[in-house]
C-alpha cells in the first residue's frame, strides 16, 4: 500500500482525515478554498454568460 503525504504539511496522511494528516490541516485547506486561494478554471467567464442571458 502506498503512503500518501498531506498536501498541507507533508506528513503521512491518516485515513480518518484523508488526504490530510490531521483536522488542523483539513481546516487550513478549507480556509484556502473559502478565502479564494484555490480556483477552478472555467472556459467561459461569468460576465459573458450574463450578457448572453440578458438578450
N, C-alpha and C. Protein backbone atom coordinates (compact mmCIF):
# COMPACT_ATOMS: atom_id res chain seq x y z
N UNK A 1 0.84 -1.18 0.00
CA UNK A 1 0.00 0.00 0.00
C UNK A 1 0.89 1.25 0.00
N UNK A 2 0.54 2.22 -0.81
CA UNK A 2 1.31 3.45 -0.92
C UNK A 2 0.87 4.44 0.16
N UNK A 3 1.83 5.06 0.83
CA UNK A 3 1.53 6.07 1.83
C UNK A 3 1.46 7.43 1.15
N UNK A 4 0.35 8.11 1.33
CA UNK A 4 0.20 9.45 0.78
C UNK A 4 0.65 10.47 1.81
N UNK A 5 1.14 11.58 1.33
CA UNK A 5 1.54 12.66 2.22
C UNK A 5 0.49 13.75 2.21
N UNK A 6 0.34 14.39 3.33
CA UNK A 6 -0.59 15.50 3.49
C UNK A 6 -0.19 16.64 2.54
N UNK A 7 -1.14 17.17 1.76
CA UNK A 7 -0.80 18.25 0.84
C UNK A 7 -0.48 19.58 1.52
N UNK A 8 -0.82 19.70 2.80
CA UNK A 8 -0.57 20.95 3.53
C UNK A 8 0.81 20.94 4.19
N UNK A 9 1.12 19.89 4.96
CA UNK A 9 2.37 19.90 5.71
C UNK A 9 3.38 18.84 5.29
N UNK A 10 2.95 17.86 4.49
CA UNK A 10 3.86 16.83 4.01
C UNK A 10 4.00 15.61 4.89
N UNK A 11 3.36 15.59 6.07
CA UNK A 11 3.41 14.41 6.94
C UNK A 11 2.57 13.30 6.33
N UNK A 12 2.77 12.06 6.76
CA UNK A 12 1.95 10.96 6.24
C UNK A 12 0.46 11.19 6.55
N UNK A 13 -0.37 10.93 5.55
CA UNK A 13 -1.82 11.09 5.72
C UNK A 13 -2.37 10.00 6.61
N UNK A 14 -3.44 10.33 7.33
CA UNK A 14 -4.13 9.38 8.20
C UNK A 14 -5.51 9.12 7.57
N UNK A 15 -5.89 7.82 7.46
CA UNK A 15 -7.15 7.50 6.76
C UNK A 15 -8.37 8.29 7.24
N UNK A 16 -8.49 8.53 8.51
CA UNK A 16 -9.68 9.24 9.02
C UNK A 16 -9.73 10.69 8.53
N UNK A 17 -8.59 11.27 8.19
CA UNK A 17 -8.51 12.65 7.71
C UNK A 17 -8.13 12.73 6.23
N UNK A 18 -8.16 11.62 5.55
CA UNK A 18 -7.72 11.52 4.16
C UNK A 18 -8.17 12.70 3.31
N UNK A 19 -7.32 13.32 2.55
CA UNK A 19 -5.90 13.04 2.30
C UNK A 19 -4.97 13.81 3.22
N UNK A 20 -5.47 14.27 4.35
CA UNK A 20 -4.67 15.07 5.27
C UNK A 20 -4.17 14.24 6.44
N UNK A 21 -3.32 14.85 7.27
CA UNK A 21 -2.76 14.14 8.43
C UNK A 21 -3.50 14.49 9.72
N UNK A 22 -4.29 15.55 9.70
CA UNK A 22 -4.96 15.98 10.93
C UNK A 22 -6.15 16.88 10.60
N UNK A 23 -6.96 17.11 11.60
CA UNK A 23 -8.10 18.03 11.46
C UNK A 23 -7.58 19.44 11.17
N UNK A 24 -6.47 19.79 11.77
CA UNK A 24 -5.88 21.12 11.56
C UNK A 24 -5.58 21.35 10.08
N UNK A 25 -4.95 20.37 9.43
CA UNK A 25 -4.63 20.53 8.01
C UNK A 25 -5.90 20.54 7.16
N UNK A 26 -6.92 19.78 7.56
CA UNK A 26 -8.21 19.85 6.85
C UNK A 26 -8.76 21.26 6.90
N UNK A 27 -8.73 21.89 8.07
CA UNK A 27 -9.27 23.23 8.23
C UNK A 27 -8.44 24.28 7.50
N UNK A 28 -7.14 24.09 7.47
CA UNK A 28 -6.28 25.01 6.72
C UNK A 28 -6.66 24.95 5.24
N UNK A 29 -6.85 23.74 4.71
CA UNK A 29 -7.24 23.58 3.31
C UNK A 29 -8.61 24.19 3.05
N UNK A 30 -9.56 23.99 3.95
CA UNK A 30 -10.88 24.60 3.81
C UNK A 30 -10.76 26.12 3.77
N UNK A 31 -9.91 26.67 4.62
CA UNK A 31 -9.68 28.11 4.62
C UNK A 31 -9.13 28.62 3.30
N UNK A 32 -8.28 27.81 2.67
CA UNK A 32 -7.74 28.19 1.35
C UNK A 32 -8.87 28.25 0.33
N UNK A 33 -9.79 27.28 0.36
CA UNK A 33 -10.92 27.29 -0.58
C UNK A 33 -11.83 28.48 -0.31
N UNK A 34 -12.17 28.68 0.95
CA UNK A 34 -13.11 29.76 1.29
C UNK A 34 -12.50 31.14 1.07
N UNK A 35 -11.19 31.24 1.21
CA UNK A 35 -10.50 32.51 1.00
C UNK A 35 -10.23 32.83 -0.46
N UNK A 36 -10.55 31.89 -1.35
CA UNK A 36 -10.34 32.12 -2.77
C UNK A 36 -8.93 31.83 -3.25
N UNK A 37 -8.12 31.17 -2.41
CA UNK A 37 -6.75 30.84 -2.82
C UNK A 37 -6.72 29.75 -3.88
N UNK A 38 -7.72 28.86 -3.84
CA UNK A 38 -7.84 27.81 -4.85
C UNK A 38 -8.98 28.22 -5.77
N UNK A 39 -8.77 28.07 -7.04
CA UNK A 39 -9.81 28.41 -8.01
C UNK A 39 -9.89 27.33 -9.06
N UNK A 40 -11.09 27.01 -9.48
CA UNK A 40 -11.30 26.06 -10.56
C UNK A 40 -11.47 26.88 -11.83
N UNK A 41 -10.59 26.69 -12.81
CA UNK A 41 -10.68 27.49 -14.03
C UNK A 41 -11.95 27.15 -14.81
N UNK A 42 -12.50 28.16 -15.45
CA UNK A 42 -13.66 27.93 -16.31
C UNK A 42 -13.31 28.32 -17.73
N UNK A 43 -14.12 27.85 -18.66
CA UNK A 43 -13.85 28.14 -20.06
C UNK A 43 -14.62 29.37 -20.53
N UNK A 44 -15.57 29.78 -19.74
CA UNK A 44 -16.41 30.93 -20.10
C UNK A 44 -16.54 31.82 -18.87
N UNK A 45 -16.28 33.07 -19.01
CA UNK A 45 -16.37 33.95 -17.84
C UNK A 45 -17.83 34.20 -17.48
N UNK A 46 -18.09 34.49 -16.22
CA UNK A 46 -19.45 34.77 -15.76
C UNK A 46 -20.02 36.00 -16.46
N UNK A 47 -19.20 36.96 -16.72
CA UNK A 47 -19.67 38.19 -17.37
C UNK A 47 -20.26 37.88 -18.75
N UNK A 48 -19.58 37.03 -19.53
CA UNK A 48 -20.08 36.65 -20.84
C UNK A 48 -21.39 35.88 -20.73
N UNK A 49 -21.50 35.04 -19.72
CA UNK A 49 -22.72 34.26 -19.54
C UNK A 49 -23.90 35.18 -19.24
N UNK A 50 -23.70 36.18 -18.38
CA UNK A 50 -24.79 37.10 -18.06
C UNK A 50 -25.20 37.93 -19.27
N UNK A 51 -24.27 38.31 -20.11
CA UNK A 51 -24.59 39.07 -21.32
C UNK A 51 -25.52 38.27 -22.22
N UNK A 52 -25.21 36.97 -22.38
CA UNK A 52 -26.00 36.12 -23.25
C UNK A 52 -27.42 35.92 -22.73
N UNK A 53 -27.60 35.85 -21.42
CA UNK A 53 -28.93 35.61 -20.86
C UNK A 53 -29.78 36.86 -20.82
N UNK A 54 -29.16 38.02 -20.85
CA UNK A 54 -29.92 39.27 -20.82
C UNK A 54 -30.59 39.60 -22.15
N UNK A 55 -30.04 39.10 -23.24
CA UNK A 55 -30.59 39.41 -24.58
C UNK A 55 -31.91 38.74 -24.85
